[in-house]
Amino acid sequence: MIVDDDPFCVDFMKNQIEDMLMALNLRSDVVDVHYNGRDAVDQVKVSIGECVQYDEGQVDRRCMYKLILMDYFMPFLNGDDATIEIMQL
């Protein structure tokens, strides 16, 4: 996931990550983009909810985010506070 309020930075990082993934023969269509910390936290919550296996009540961590690149200065919720909220989930 890329979280940054600057569209230029988002496009640059997304292209770099997708190129790297394609070079490694990995799926390159899995990069999510969000433009503020609040949206990122909300999406991580949704992702965790989708990963829960209701039959055993355990979380399938294979479908969770492996990497989140987050800007510090963003509207609604800065990168530091968003990171703290994500780590508390």
C-alpha atoms as a PDB file:
ATOM      1  CA  MET A   1       0.000   0.000   0.000  1.00  0.00           C
ATOM      2  CA  ILE A   2       1.191   3.503  -0.830  1.00  0.00           C
ATOM      3  CA  VAL A   3      -0.143   6.345   1.310  1.00  0.00           C
ATOM      4  CA  ASP A   4       0.781   9.859   0.211  1.00  0.00           C
ATOM      5  CA  ASP A   5      -1.165  13.029  -0.516  1.00  0.00           C
ATOM      6  CA  ASP A   6       1.141  14.046  -3.401  1.00  0.00           C
ATOM      7  CA  PRO A   7      -0.103  12.479  -6.673  1.00  0.00           C
ATOM      8  CA  PHE A   8       3.349  12.825  -8.279  1.00  0.00           C
ATOM      9  CA  CYS A   9       5.020  10.843  -5.482  1.00  0.00           C
ATOM     10  CA  VAL A  10       2.253   8.234  -5.590  1.00  0.00           C
ATOM     11  CA  ASP A  11       2.642   7.727  -9.352  1.00  0.00           C
ATOM     12  CA  PHE A  12       6.419   7.502  -9.073  1.00  0.00           C
ATOM     13  CA  MET A  13       6.390   4.982  -6.215  1.00  0.00           C
ATOM     14  CA  LYS A  14       3.613   2.906  -7.785  1.00  0.00           C
ATOM     15  CA  ASN A  15       5.494   2.652 -11.088  1.00  0.00           C
ATOM     16  CA  GLN A  16       8.737   1.719  -9.348  1.00  0.00           C
ATOM     17  CA  ILE A  17       7.089  -0.974  -7.221  1.00  0.00           C
ATOM     18  CA  GLU A  18       5.127  -2.418 -10.153  1.00  0.00           C
ATOM     19  CA  ASP A  19       8.314  -2.565 -12.281  1.00  0.00           C
ATOM     20  CA  MET A  20      10.150  -4.314  -9.459  1.00  0.00           C
ATOM     21  CA  LEU A  21       7.364  -6.847  -8.975  1.00  0.00           C
ATOM     22  CA  MET A  22       7.183  -7.576 -12.716  1.00  0.00           C
ATOM     23  CA  ALA A  23      10.976  -8.073 -12.819  1.00  0.00           C
ATOM     24  CA  LEU A  24      10.577 -10.672 -10.081  1.00  0.00           C
ATOM     25  CA  ASN A  25       7.689 -12.355 -11.961  1.00  0.00           C
ATOM     26  CA  LEU A  26       5.265 -11.387  -9.199  1.00  0.00           C
ATOM     27  CA  ARG A  27       1.797  -9.889  -9.549  1.00  0.00           C
ATOM     28  CA  SER A  28       2.070  -6.169 -10.162  1.00  0.00           C
ATOM     29  CA  ASP A  29      -1.630  -5.367  -9.869  1.00  0.00           C
ATOM     30  CA  VAL A  30      -1.732  -5.546  -6.097  1.00  0.00           C
ATOM     31  CA  VAL A  31      -0.496  -2.055  -5.169  1.00  0.00           C
ATOM     32  CA  ASP A  32      -3.211  -0.092  -3.347  1.00  0.00           C
ATOM     33  CA  VAL A  33      -3.063   3.707  -3.203  1.00  0.00           C
ATOM     34  CA  HIS A  34      -4.553   6.025  -0.583  1.00  0.00           C
ATOM     35  CA  TYR A  35      -4.118   9.768  -0.248  1.00  0.00           C
ATOM     36  CA  ASN A  36      -4.472  10.245   3.522  1.00  0.00           C
ATOM     37  CA  GLY A  37      -3.831   8.337   6.709  1.00  0.00           C
ATOM     38  CA  ARG A  38      -7.488   7.910   7.636  1.00  0.00           C
ATOM     39  CA  ASP A  39      -8.289   6.103   4.381  1.00  0.00           C
ATOM     40  CA  ALA A  40      -5.252   3.862   4.863  1.00  0.00           C
ATOM     41  CA  VAL A  41      -6.277   2.860   8.392  1.00  0.00           C
ATOM     42  CA  ASP A  42      -9.832   2.183   7.237  1.00  0.00           C
ATOM     43  CA  GLN A  43      -8.586  -0.004   4.363  1.00  0.00           C
ATOM     44  CA  VAL A  44      -6.314  -2.013   6.652  1.00  0.00           C
ATOM     45  CA  LYS A  45      -9.310  -2.631   8.929  1.00  0.00           C
ATOM     46  CA  VAL A  46     -11.320  -3.870   5.932  1.00  0.00           C
ATOM     47  CA  SER A  47      -8.418  -6.080   4.858  1.00  0.00           C
ATOM     48  CA  ILE A  48      -8.122  -7.649   8.298  1.00  0.00           C
ATOM     49  CA  GLY A  49     -11.878  -8.272   8.370  1.00  0.00           C
ATOM     50  CA  GLU A  50     -11.709 -10.020   5.003  1.00  0.00           C
ATOM     51  CA  CYS A  51      -8.823 -12.204   6.157  1.00  0.00           C
ATOM     52  CA  VAL A  52     -10.552 -13.637   9.207  1.00  0.00           C
ATOM     53  CA  GLN A  53     -11.466 -17.286   8.832  1.00  0.00           C
ATOM     54  CA  TYR A  54     -14.816 -17.449  10.556  1.00  0.00           C
ATOM     55  CA  ASP A  55     -14.804 -21.227  10.948  1.00  0.00           C
ATOM     56  CA  GLU A  56     -11.802 -21.222  13.274  1.00  0.00           C
ATOM     57  CA  GLY A  57     -11.681 -17.533  14.223  1.00  0.00           C
ATOM     58  CA  GLN A  58      -8.082 -17.234  13.045  1.00  0.00           C
ATOM     59  CA  VAL A  59      -6.573 -14.657  10.701  1.00  0.00           C
ATOM     60  CA  ASP A  60      -5.165 -15.769   7.363  1.00  0.00           C
ATOM     61  CA  ARG A  61      -2.108 -13.479   7.202  1.00  0.00           C
ATOM     62  CA  ARG A  62      -1.404 -14.335   3.560  1.00  0.00           C
ATOM     63  CA  CYS A  63      -4.062 -11.856   2.452  1.00  0.00           C
ATOM     64  CA  MET A  64      -2.903  -8.963   4.662  1.00  0.00           C
ATOM     65  CA  TYR A  65      -0.687  -6.079   3.571  1.00  0.00           C
ATOM     66  CA  LYS A  66       2.990  -7.001   3.494  1.00  0.00           C
ATOM     67  CA  LEU A  67       4.322  -3.454   3.105  1.00  0.00           C
ATOM     68  CA  ILE A  68       2.902   0.013   3.661  1.00  0.00           C
ATOM     69  CA  LEU A  69       4.847   3.032   2.412  1.00  0.00           C
ATOM     70  CA  MET A  70       3.444   6.072   4.190  1.00  0.00           C
ATOM     71  CA  ASP A  71       4.161   9.786   4.008  1.00  0.00           C
ATOM     72  CA  TYR A  72       4.394  11.632   7.304  1.00  0.00           C
ATOM     73  CA  PHE A  73       2.609  14.922   6.539  1.00  0.00           C
ATOM     74  CA  MET A  74      -0.906  14.203   5.234  1.00  0.00           C
ATOM     75  CA  PRO A  75      -4.409  15.566   5.740  1.00  0.00           C
ATOM     76  CA  PHE A  76      -6.948  14.063   8.168  1.00  0.00           C
ATOM     77  CA  LEU A  77      -4.411  11.762   9.872  1.00  0.00           C
ATOM     78  CA  ASN A  78      -0.624  12.055   9.626  1.00  0.00           C
ATOM     79  CA  GLY A  79       1.626   9.098   8.908  1.00  0.00           C
ATOM     80  CA  ASP A  80       2.808   8.722  12.498  1.00  0.00           C
ATOM     81  CA  ASP A  81      -0.694   8.552  13.972  1.00  0.00           C
ATOM     82  CA  ALA A  82      -1.919   6.287  11.152  1.00  0.00           C
ATOM     83  CA  THR A  83       0.979   3.890  11.780  1.00  0.00           C
ATOM     84  CA  ILE A  84       0.175   3.778  15.491  1.00  0.00           C
ATOM     85  CA  GLU A  85      -3.493   3.014  14.766  1.00  0.00           C
ATOM     86  CA  ILE A  86      -2.548   0.261  12.285  1.00  0.00           C
ATOM     87  CA  MET A  87      -0.144  -1.339  14.752  1.00  0.00           C
ATOM     88  CA  GLN A  88      -2.888  -1.404  17.407  1.00  0.00           C
ATOM     89  CA  LEU A  89      -5.294  -3.368  15.173  1.00  0.00           C
END
